[in-house]
Amino acid sequence: MSHRTRITALALTAGAATALAIGPGAGSAGAETHVRHYSGYDAEWACNADKAAYGHVPGAVVLCDELNNGRYRLSVVPHGEIPLHLLGLMATGSFDGLS
């Protein structure tokens, strides 16, 4: 086996191992996106209405987060970033568990 063939085989093997380690579907949704913020009367209702209108996003979830002081945020969060998203809400005191 030539030197060039060995390098090519090694690169292909490393690429396949990386793809298996990351898992299928990774990267199908981009980074977390904050679509809109809501405040005031009926802020929760408006956020949930926009969430329903946003519909299904492949590889992600659409969330309506309650922030401090009655504010809400519509976010699109990829599946792999959900724990980090919840950790950020816990750090600000906006999330204290699942109900």
PDB file of N, CA and C in Angstrom:
ATOM      1  N   MET A   1       0.845  -1.166   0.000  1.00  0.00           N
ATOM      2  CA  MET A   1       0.000   0.000   0.000  1.00  0.00           C
ATOM      3  C   MET A   1       0.898   1.238   0.000  1.00  0.00           C
ATOM      4  N   SER A   2       0.627   2.155  -0.907  1.00  0.00           N
ATOM      5  CA  SER A   2       1.455   3.357  -1.008  1.00  0.00           C
ATOM      6  C   SER A   2       1.155   4.315   0.147  1.00  0.00           C
ATOM      7  N   HIS A   3       2.050   5.259   0.318  1.00  0.00           N
ATOM      8  CA  HIS A   3       1.916   6.261   1.374  1.00  0.00           C
ATOM      9  C   HIS A   3       0.636   7.089   1.176  1.00  0.00           C
ATOM     10  N   ARG A   4       0.357   7.484  -0.057  1.00  0.00           N
ATOM     11  CA  ARG A   4      -0.833   8.286  -0.370  1.00  0.00           C
ATOM     12  C   ARG A   4      -2.118   7.490  -0.073  1.00  0.00           C
ATOM     13  N   THR A   5      -2.126   6.212  -0.390  1.00  0.00           N
ATOM     14  CA  THR A   5      -3.294   5.369  -0.139  1.00  0.00           C
ATOM     15  C   THR A   5      -3.544   5.229   1.356  1.00  0.00           C
ATOM     16  N   ARG A   6      -2.476   5.076   2.140  1.00  0.00           N
ATOM     17  CA  ARG A   6      -2.619   4.963   3.589  1.00  0.00           C
ATOM     18  C   ARG A   6      -3.204   6.239   4.187  1.00  0.00           C
ATOM     19  N   ILE A   7      -2.728   7.388   3.721  1.00  0.00           N
ATOM     20  CA  ILE A   7      -3.235   8.668   4.231  1.00  0.00           C
ATOM     21  C   ILE A   7      -4.715   8.831   3.883  1.00  0.00           C
ATOM     22  N   THR A   8      -5.075   8.476   2.651  1.00  0.00           N
ATOM     23  CA  THR A   8      -6.474   8.581   2.231  1.00  0.00           C
ATOM     24  C   THR A   8      -7.362   7.656   3.059  1.00  0.00           C
ATOM     25  N   ALA A   9      -6.912   6.418   3.276  1.00  0.00           N
ATOM     26  CA  ALA A   9      -7.690   5.464   4.068  1.00  0.00           C
ATOM     27  C   ALA A   9      -7.830   5.947   5.513  1.00  0.00           C
ATOM     28  N   LEU A  10      -6.761   6.504   6.069  1.00  0.00           N
ATOM     29  CA  LEU A  10      -6.801   7.020   7.434  1.00  0.00           C
ATOM     30  C   LEU A  10      -7.782   8.186   7.543  1.00  0.00           C
ATOM     31  N   ALA A  11      -7.767   9.079   6.553  1.00  0.00           N
ATOM     32  CA  ALA A  11      -8.683  10.222   6.563  1.00  0.00           C
ATOM     33  C   ALA A  11     -10.138   9.768   6.461  1.00  0.00           C
ATOM     34  N   LEU A  12     -10.406   8.798   5.609  1.00  0.00           N
ATOM     35  CA  LEU A  12     -11.771   8.292   5.471  1.00  0.00           C
ATOM     36  C   LEU A  12     -12.243   7.601   6.745  1.00  0.00           C
ATOM     37  N   THR A  13     -11.357   6.843   7.381  1.00  0.00           N
ATOM     38  CA  THR A  13     -11.703   6.164   8.622  1.00  0.00           C
ATOM     39  C   THR A  13     -11.980   7.171   9.731  1.00  0.00           C
ATOM     40  N   ALA A  14     -11.152   8.200   9.821  1.00  0.00           N
ATOM     41  CA  ALA A  14     -11.354   9.233  10.842  1.00  0.00           C
ATOM     42  C   ALA A  14     -12.665   9.977  10.605  1.00  0.00           C
ATOM     43  N   GLY A  15     -12.983  10.258   9.354  1.00  0.00           N
ATOM     44  CA  GLY A  15     -14.238  10.938   9.033  1.00  0.00           C
ATOM     45  C   GLY A  15     -15.443  10.101   9.392  1.00  0.00           C
ATOM     46  N   ALA A  16     -15.378   8.811   9.111  1.00  0.00           N
ATOM     47  CA  ALA A  16     -16.488   7.914   9.445  1.00  0.00           C
ATOM     48  C   ALA A  16     -16.656   7.793  10.956  1.00  0.00           C
ATOM     49  N   ALA A  17     -15.541   7.707  11.683  1.00  0.00           N
ATOM     50  CA  ALA A  17     -15.613   7.614  13.141  1.00  0.00           C
ATOM     51  C   ALA A  17     -16.212   8.882  13.739  1.00  0.00           C
ATOM     52  N   THR A  18     -15.847  10.026  13.195  1.00  0.00           N
ATOM     53  CA  THR A  18     -16.410  11.293  13.674  1.00  0.00           C
ATOM     54  C   THR A  18     -17.905  11.350  13.410  1.00  0.00           C
ATOM     55  N   ALA A  19     -18.325  10.932  12.234  1.00  0.00           N
ATOM     56  CA  ALA A  19     -19.757  10.946  11.895  1.00  0.00           C
ATOM     57  C   ALA A  19     -20.547  10.030  12.824  1.00  0.00           C
ATOM     58  N   LEU A  20     -19.988   8.876  13.175  1.00  0.00           N
ATOM     59  CA  LEU A  20     -20.673   7.964  14.086  1.00  0.00           C
ATOM     60  C   LEU A  20     -20.715   8.520  15.503  1.00  0.00           C
ATOM     61  N   ALA A  21     -19.644   9.188  15.914  1.00  0.00           N
ATOM     62  CA  ALA A  21     -19.605   9.749  17.262  1.00  0.00           C
ATOM     63  C   ALA A  21     -20.597  10.892  17.417  1.00  0.00           C
ATOM     64  N   ILE A  22     -20.742  11.714  16.385  1.00  0.00           N
ATOM     65  CA  ILE A  22     -21.672  12.840  16.446  1.00  0.00           C
ATOM     66  C   ILE A  22     -23.099  12.346  16.394  1.00  0.00           C
ATOM     67  N   GLY A  23     -23.348  11.375  15.564  1.00  0.00           N
ATOM     68  CA  GLY A  23     -24.673  10.779  15.491  1.00  0.00           C
ATOM     69  C   GLY A  23     -25.471  11.283  14.311  1.00  0.00           C
ATOM     70  N   PRO A  24     -26.451  10.493  13.910  1.00  0.00           N
ATOM     71  CA  PRO A  24     -27.286  10.892  12.781  1.00  0.00           C
ATOM     72  C   PRO A  24     -28.174  12.064  13.146  1.00  0.00           C
ATOM     73  N   GLY A  25     -28.392  12.931  12.203  1.00  0.00           N
ATOM     74  CA  GLY A  25     -29.268  14.070  12.407  1.00  0.00           C
ATOM     75  C   GLY A  25     -28.590  15.270  13.030  1.00  0.00           C
ATOM     76  N   ALA A  26     -27.357  15.119  13.469  1.00  0.00           N
ATOM     77  CA  ALA A  26     -26.667  16.255  14.058  1.00  0.00           C
ATOM     78  C   ALA A  26     -26.433  17.307  12.998  1.00  0.00           C
ATOM     79  N   GLY A  27     -26.666  18.519  13.367  1.00  0.00           N
ATOM     80  CA  GLY A  27     -26.461  19.608  12.431  1.00  0.00           C
ATOM     81  C   GLY A  27     -27.653  19.886  11.539  1.00  0.00           C
ATOM     82  N   SER A  28     -28.759  19.169  11.730  1.00  0.00           N
ATOM     83  CA  SER A  28     -29.923  19.424  10.891  1.00  0.00           C
ATOM     84  C   SER A  28     -30.615  20.717  11.288  1.00  0.00           C
ATOM     85  N   ALA A  29     -30.393  21.161  12.504  1.00  0.00           N
ATOM     86  CA  ALA A  29     -30.895  22.461  12.934  1.00  0.00           C
ATOM     87  C   ALA A  29     -29.700  23.297  13.359  1.00  0.00           C
ATOM     88  N   GLY A  30     -29.761  24.585  13.104  1.00  0.00           N
ATOM     89  CA  GLY A  30     -28.648  25.465  13.440  1.00  0.00           C
ATOM     90  C   GLY A  30     -28.601  25.750  14.927  1.00  0.00           C
ATOM     91  N   ALA A  31     -27.972  26.842  15.278  1.00  0.00           N
ATOM     92  CA  ALA A  31     -27.849  27.232  16.672  1.00  0.00           C
ATOM     93  C   ALA A  31     -29.185  27.753  17.196  1.00  0.00           C
ATOM     94  N   GLU A  32     -29.267  27.856  18.503  1.00  0.00           N
ATOM     95  CA  GLU A  32     -30.478  28.380  19.134  1.00  0.00           C
ATOM     96  C   GLU A  32     -30.789  29.770  18.590  1.00  0.00           C
ATOM     97  N   THR A  33     -32.059  29.997  18.293  1.00  0.00           N
ATOM     98  CA  THR A  33     -32.486  31.272  17.724  1.00  0.00           C
ATOM     99  C   THR A  33     -33.608  31.852  18.571  1.00  0.00           C
ATOM    100  N   HIS A  34     -33.447  33.100  18.982  1.00  0.00           N
ATOM    101  CA  HIS A  34     -34.511  33.806  19.692  1.00  0.00           C
ATOM    102  C   HIS A  34     -35.299  34.576  18.647  1.00  0.00           C
ATOM    103  N   VAL A  35     -36.538  34.166  18.433  1.00  0.00           N
ATOM    104  CA  VAL A  35     -37.354  34.726  17.363  1.00  0.00           C
ATOM    105  C   VAL A  35     -37.953  36.065  17.766  1.00  0.00           C
ATOM    106  N   ARG A  36     -38.515  36.131  18.977  1.00  0.00           N
ATOM    107  CA  ARG A  36     -39.211  37.345  19.378  1.00  0.00           C
ATOM    108  C   ARG A  36     -39.381  37.380  20.888  1.00  0.00           C
ATOM    109  N   HIS A  37     -39.476  38.598  21.455  1.00  0.00           N
ATOM    110  CA  HIS A  37     -39.762  38.793  22.872  1.00  0.00           C
ATOM    111  C   HIS A  37     -41.146  39.409  23.025  1.00  0.00           C
ATOM    112  N   TYR A  38     -41.815  39.078  24.135  1.00  0.00           N
ATOM    113  CA  TYR A  38     -43.170  39.562  24.397  1.00  0.00           C
ATOM    114  C   TYR A  38     -43.228  40.114  25.815  1.00  0.00           C
ATOM    115  N   SER A  39     -43.995  41.172  26.009  1.00  0.00           N
ATOM    116  CA  SER A  39     -44.229  41.691  27.350  1.00  0.00           C
ATOM    117  C   SER A  39     -45.592  42.366  27.373  1.00  0.00           C
ATOM    118  N   GLY A  40     -46.081  42.607  28.584  1.00  0.00           N
ATOM    119  CA  GLY A  40     -47.360  43.282  28.725  1.00  0.00           C
ATOM    120  C   GLY A  40     -48.522  42.315  28.810  1.00  0.00           C
ATOM    121  N   TYR A  41     -49.700  42.887  28.700  1.00  0.00           N
ATOM    122  CA  TYR A  41     -50.939  42.122  28.817  1.00  0.00           C
ATOM    123  C   TYR A  41     -51.014  41.065  27.717  1.00  0.00           C
ATOM    124  N   ASP A  42     -51.377  39.848  28.062  1.00  0.00           N
ATOM    125  CA  ASP A  42     -51.508  38.717  27.141  1.00  0.00           C
ATOM    126  C   ASP A  42     -50.197  38.327  26.447  1.00  0.00           C
ATOM    127  N   ALA A  43     -49.065  38.605  27.079  1.00  0.00           N
ATOM    128  CA  ALA A  43     -47.773  38.243  26.487  1.00  0.00           C
ATOM    129  C   ALA A  43     -47.656  36.729  26.321  1.00  0.00           C
ATOM    130  N   GLU A  44     -48.103  35.984  27.323  1.00  0.00           N
ATOM    131  CA  GLU A  44     -48.026  34.523  27.243  1.00  0.00           C
ATOM    132  C   GLU A  44     -48.912  33.999  26.111  1.00  0.00           C
ATOM    133  N   TRP A  45     -50.119  34.536  25.998  1.00  0.00           N
ATOM    134  CA  TRP A  45     -51.034  34.107  24.941  1.00  0.00           C
ATOM    135  C   TRP A  45     -50.443  34.397  23.563  1.00  0.00           C
ATOM    136  N   ALA A  46     -49.882  35.593  23.383  1.00  0.00           N
ATOM    137  CA  ALA A  46     -49.302  35.970  22.087  1.00  0.00           C
ATOM    138  C   ALA A  46     -48.118  35.076  21.729  1.00  0.00           C
ATOM    139  N   CYS A  47     -47.289  34.764  22.721  1.00  0.00           N
ATOM    140  CA  CYS A  47     -46.131  33.897  22.477  1.00  0.00           C
ATOM    141  C   CYS A  47     -46.591  32.501  22.066  1.00  0.00           C
ATOM    142  N   ASN A  48     -47.569  31.955  22.782  1.00  0.00           N
ATOM    143  CA  ASN A  48     -48.068  30.617  22.451  1.00  0.00           C
ATOM    144  C   ASN A  48     -48.771  30.583  21.101  1.00  0.00           C
ATOM    145  N   ALA A  49     -49.459  31.666  20.735  1.00  0.00           N
ATOM    146  CA  ALA A  49     -50.106  31.728  19.420  1.00  0.00           C
ATOM    147  C   ALA A  49     -49.059  31.729  18.306  1.00  0.00           C
ATOM    148  N   ASP A  50     -47.982  32.495  18.495  1.00  0.00           N
ATOM    149  CA  ASP A  50     -46.909  32.514  17.495  1.00  0.00           C
ATOM    150  C   ASP A  50     -46.177  31.180  17.446  1.00  0.00           C
ATOM    151  N   LYS A  51     -46.046  30.525  18.608  1.00  0.00           N
ATOM    152  CA  LYS A  51     -45.412  29.199  18.658  1.00  0.00           C
ATOM    153  C   LYS A  51     -46.214  28.204  17.827  1.00  0.00           C
ATOM    154  N   ALA A  52     -47.535  28.240  17.968  1.00  0.00           N
ATOM    155  CA  ALA A  52     -48.393  27.343  17.190  1.00  0.00           C
ATOM    156  C   ALA A  52     -48.313  27.669  15.701  1.00  0.00           C
ATOM    157  N   ALA A  53     -48.235  28.951  15.374  1.00  0.00           N
ATOM    158  CA  ALA A  53     -48.157  29.360  13.970  1.00  0.00           C
ATOM    159  C   ALA A  53     -46.804  29.004  13.361  1.00  0.00           C
ATOM    160  N   TYR A  54     -45.751  28.977  14.193  1.00  0.00           N
ATOM    161  CA  TYR A  54     -44.403  28.660  13.710  1.00  0.00           C
ATOM    162  C   TYR A  54     -44.340  27.231  13.183  1.00  0.00           C
ATOM    163  N   GLY A  55     -45.051  26.332  13.850  1.00  0.00           N
ATOM    164  CA  GLY A  55     -45.122  24.951  13.382  1.00  0.00           C
ATOM    165  C   GLY A  55     -43.904  24.122  13.740  1.00  0.00           C
ATOM    166  N   HIS A  56     -43.788  22.983  13.070  1.00  0.00           N
ATOM    167  CA  HIS A  56     -42.728  22.005  13.319  1.00  0.00           C
ATOM    168  C   HIS A  56     -41.417  22.452  12.678  1.00  0.00           C
ATOM    169  N   VAL A  57     -40.329  22.317  13.420  1.00  0.00           N
ATOM    170  CA  VAL A  57     -38.990  22.601  12.906  1.00  0.00           C
ATOM    171  C   VAL A  57     -38.192  21.306  13.015  1.00  0.00           C
ATOM    172  N   PRO A  58     -37.753  20.725  11.888  1.00  0.00           N
ATOM    173  CA  PRO A  58     -37.000  19.467  11.940  1.00  0.00           C
ATOM    174  C   PRO A  58     -35.717  19.610  12.761  1.00  0.00           C
ATOM    175  N   GLY A  59     -35.498  18.698  13.683  1.00  0.00           N
ATOM    176  CA  GLY A  59     -34.284  18.682  14.486  1.00  0.00           C
ATOM    177  C   GLY A  59     -34.263  19.696  15.610  1.00  0.00           C
ATOM    178  N   ALA A  60     -35.401  20.326  15.897  1.00  0.00           N
ATOM    179  CA  ALA A  60     -35.443  21.355  16.939  1.00  0.00           C
ATOM    180  C   ALA A  60     -36.827  21.404  17.567  1.00  0.00           C
ATOM    181  N   VAL A  61     -36.918  22.133  18.671  1.00  0.00           N
ATOM    182  CA  VAL A  61     -38.206  22.386  19.309  1.00  0.00           C
ATOM    183  C   VAL A  61     -38.432  23.889  19.362  1.00  0.00           C
ATOM    184  N   VAL A  62     -39.689  24.280  19.285  1.00  0.00           N
ATOM    185  CA  VAL A  62     -40.059  25.689  19.407  1.00  0.00           C
ATOM    186  C   VAL A  62     -40.587  25.871  20.822  1.00  0.00           C
ATOM    187  N   LEU A  63     -39.966  26.774  21.574  1.00  0.00           N
ATOM    188  CA  LEU A  63     -40.311  26.965  22.979  1.00  0.00           C
ATOM    189  C   LEU A  63     -40.777  28.386  23.240  1.00  0.00           C
ATOM    190  N   CYS A  64     -41.676  28.506  24.184  1.00  0.00           N
ATOM    191  CA  CYS A  64     -42.126  29.807  24.655  1.00  0.00           C
ATOM    192  C   CYS A  64     -41.659  29.901  26.107  1.00  0.00           C
ATOM    193  N   ASP A  65     -40.547  30.584  26.352  1.00  0.00           N
ATOM    194  CA  ASP A  65     -39.949  30.650  27.680  1.00  0.00           C
ATOM    195  C   ASP A  65     -40.501  31.830  28.459  1.00  0.00           C
ATOM    196  N   GLU A  66     -40.834  31.580  29.732  1.00  0.00           N
ATOM    197  CA  GLU A  66     -41.231  32.676  30.610  1.00  0.00           C
ATOM    198  C   GLU A  66     -39.971  33.227  31.257  1.00  0.00           C
ATOM    199  N   LEU A  67     -39.680  34.469  30.995  1.00  0.00           N
ATOM    200  CA  LEU A  67     -38.524  35.128  31.584  1.00  0.00           C
ATOM    201  C   LEU A  67     -38.977  35.857  32.846  1.00  0.00           C
ATOM    202  N   ASN A  68     -38.111  36.633  33.451  1.00  0.00           N
ATOM    203  CA  ASN A  68     -38.464  37.386  34.649  1.00  0.00           C
ATOM    204  C   ASN A  68     -39.408  38.535  34.312  1.00  0.00           C
ATOM    205  N   ASN A  69     -40.185  38.955  35.292  1.00  0.00           N
ATOM    206  CA  ASN A  69     -41.084  40.114  35.193  1.00  0.00           C
ATOM    207  C   ASN A  69     -42.164  39.961  34.133  1.00  0.00           C
ATOM    208  N   GLY A  70     -42.673  38.753  33.928  1.00  0.00           N
ATOM    209  CA  GLY A  70     -43.782  38.549  33.009  1.00  0.00           C
ATOM    210  C   GLY A  70     -43.452  38.696  31.541  1.00  0.00           C
ATOM    211  N   ARG A  71     -42.179  38.596  31.205  1.00  0.00           N
ATOM    212  CA  ARG A  71     -41.778  38.647  29.792  1.00  0.00           C
ATOM    213  C   ARG A  71     -41.662  37.224  29.271  1.00  0.00           C
ATOM    214  N   TYR A  72     -41.886  37.066  27.971  1.00  0.00           N
ATOM    215  CA  TYR A  72     -41.806  35.758  27.318  1.00  0.00           C
ATOM    216  C   TYR A  72     -40.906  35.860  26.094  1.00  0.00           C
ATOM    217  N   ARG A  73     -40.315  34.728  25.729  1.00  0.00           N
ATOM    218  CA  ARG A  73     -39.419  34.689  24.568  1.00  0.00           C
ATOM    219  C   ARG A  73     -39.739  33.456  23.740  1.00  0.00           C
ATOM    220  N   LEU A  74     -39.919  33.659  22.444  1.00  0.00           N
ATOM    221  CA  LEU A  74     -40.124  32.561  21.498  1.00  0.00           C
ATOM    222  C   LEU A  74     -38.756  32.161  20.967  1.00  0.00           C
ATOM    223  N   SER A  75     -38.387  30.884  21.171  1.00  0.00           N
ATOM    224  CA  SER A  75     -37.070  30.391  20.779  1.00  0.00           C
ATOM    225  C   SER A  75     -37.194  29.111  19.970  1.00  0.00           C
ATOM    226  N   VAL A  76     -36.255  28.914  19.049  1.00  0.00           N
ATOM    227  CA  VAL A  76     -36.112  27.655  18.327  1.00  0.00           C
ATOM    228  C   VAL A  76     -34.799  27.049  18.806  1.00  0.00           C
ATOM    229  N   VAL A  77     -34.892  25.880  19.458  1.00  0.00           N
ATOM    230  CA  VAL A  77     -33.728  25.265  20.094  1.00  0.00           C
ATOM    231  C   VAL A  77     -33.486  23.884  19.483  1.00  0.00           C
ATOM    232  N   PRO A  78     -32.290  23.659  18.885  1.00  0.00           N
ATOM    233  CA  PRO A  78     -31.964  22.321  18.371  1.00  0.00           C
ATOM    234  C   PRO A  78     -31.962  21.299  19.509  1.00  0.00           C
ATOM    235  N   HIS A  79     -32.302  20.066  19.188  1.00  0.00           N
ATOM    236  CA  HIS A  79     -32.400  19.015  20.206  1.00  0.00           C
ATOM    237  C   HIS A  79     -31.144  18.917  21.064  1.00  0.00           C
ATOM    238  N   GLY A  80     -29.972  19.015  20.449  1.00  0.00           N
ATOM    239  CA  GLY A  80     -28.720  18.880  21.190  1.00  0.00           C
ATOM    240  C   GLY A  80     -28.433  20.027  22.139  1.00  0.00           C
ATOM    241  N   GLU A  81     -29.111  21.158  21.985  1.00  0.00           N
ATOM    242  CA  GLU A  81     -28.854  22.327  22.827  1.00  0.00           C
ATOM    243  C   GLU A  81     -29.903  22.530  23.917  1.00  0.00           C
ATOM    244  N   ILE A  82     -30.864  21.618  24.030  1.00  0.00           N
ATOM    245  CA  ILE A  82     -31.923  21.781  25.030  1.00  0.00           C
ATOM    246  C   ILE A  82     -31.361  21.829  26.458  1.00  0.00           C
ATOM    247  N   PRO A  83     -30.444  20.925  26.862  1.00  0.00           N
ATOM    248  CA  PRO A  83     -29.914  21.025  28.231  1.00  0.00           C
ATOM    249  C   PRO A  83     -29.221  22.363  28.497  1.00  0.00           C
ATOM    250  N   LEU A  84     -28.471  22.858  27.537  1.00  0.00           N
ATOM    251  CA  LEU A  84     -27.798  24.145  27.706  1.00  0.00           C
ATOM    252  C   LEU A  84     -28.816  25.280  27.786  1.00  0.00           C
ATOM    253  N   HIS A  85     -29.871  25.193  26.998  1.00  0.00           N
ATOM    254  CA  HIS A  85     -30.933  26.199  27.028  1.00  0.00           C
ATOM    255  C   HIS A  85     -31.589  26.242  28.411  1.00  0.00           C
ATOM    256  N   LEU A  86     -31.916  25.068  28.957  1.00  0.00           N
ATOM    257  CA  LEU A  86     -32.536  25.007  30.278  1.00  0.00           C
ATOM    258  C   LEU A  86     -31.578  25.468  31.367  1.00  0.00           C
ATOM    259  N   LEU A  87     -30.300  25.165  31.228  1.00  0.00           N
ATOM    260  CA  LEU A  87     -29.303  25.612  32.197  1.00  0.00           C
ATOM    261  C   LEU A  87     -29.233  27.135  32.228  1.00  0.00           C
ATOM    262  N   GLY A  88     -29.291  27.754  31.049  1.00  0.00           N
ATOM    263  CA  GLY A  88     -29.292  29.219  30.987  1.00  0.00           C
ATOM    264  C   GLY A  88     -30.503  29.819  31.670  1.00  0.00           C
ATOM    265  N   LEU A  89     -31.656  29.190  31.510  1.00  0.00           N
ATOM    266  CA  LEU A  89     -32.862  29.683  32.187  1.00  0.00           C
ATOM    267  C   LEU A  89     -32.759  29.507  33.697  1.00  0.00           C
ATOM    268  N   MET A  90     -32.167  28.382  34.152  1.00  0.00           N
ATOM    269  CA  MET A  90     -32.002  28.161  35.587  1.00  0.00           C
ATOM    270  C   MET A  90     -31.042  29.180  36.189  1.00  0.00           C
ATOM    271  N   ALA A  91     -29.995  29.535  35.449  1.00  0.00           N
ATOM    272  CA  ALA A  91     -29.008  30.488  35.953  1.00  0.00           C
ATOM    273  C   ALA A  91     -29.622  31.868  36.175  1.00  0.00           C
ATOM    274  N   THR A  92     -30.607  32.228  35.373  1.00  0.00           N
ATOM    275  CA  THR A  92     -31.250  33.537  35.525  1.00  0.00           C
ATOM    276  C   THR A  92     -32.461  33.485  36.446  1.00  0.00           C
ATOM    277  N   GLY A  93     -32.805  32.303  36.947  1.00  0.00           N
ATOM    278  CA  GLY A  93     -33.947  32.165  37.833  1.00  0.00           C
ATOM    279  C   GLY A  93     -35.273  32.075  37.106  1.00  0.00           C
ATOM    280  N   SER A  94     -35.240  31.915  35.788  1.00  0.00           N
ATOM    281  CA  SER A  94     -36.472  31.850  35.007  1.00  0.00           C
ATOM    282  C   SER A  94     -37.036  30.441  34.921  1.00  0.00           C
ATOM    283  N   PHE A  95     -36.262  29.442  35.300  1.00  0.00           N
ATOM    284  CA  PHE A  95     -36.696  28.052  35.186  1.00  0.00           C
ATOM    285  C   PHE A  95     -36.318  27.325  36.462  1.00  0.00           C
ATOM    286  N   ASP A  96     -37.303  26.705  37.099  1.00  0.00           N
ATOM    287  CA  ASP A  96     -37.018  25.997  38.344  1.00  0.00           C
ATOM    288  C   ASP A  96     -37.433  24.536  38.306  1.00  0.00           C
ATOM    289  N   GLY A  97     -37.700  24.007  37.125  1.00  0.00           N
ATOM    290  CA  GLY A  97     -38.043  22.602  36.993  1.00  0.00           C
ATOM    291  C   GLY A  97     -39.169  22.395  36.005  1.00  0.00           C
ATOM    292  N   LEU A  98     -39.432  21.154  35.714  1.00  0.00           N
ATOM    293  CA  LEU A  98     -40.514  20.811  34.795  1.00  0.00           C
ATOM    294  C   LEU A  98     -41.786  20.566  35.590  1.00  0.00           C
ATOM    295  N   SER A  99     -42.878  21.081  35.095  1.00  0.00           N
ATOM    296  CA  SER A  99     -44.143  20.875  35.803  1.00  0.00           C
ATOM    297  C   SER A  99     -45.018  19.917  35.031  1.00  0.00           C
TER     298      SER A  99
END
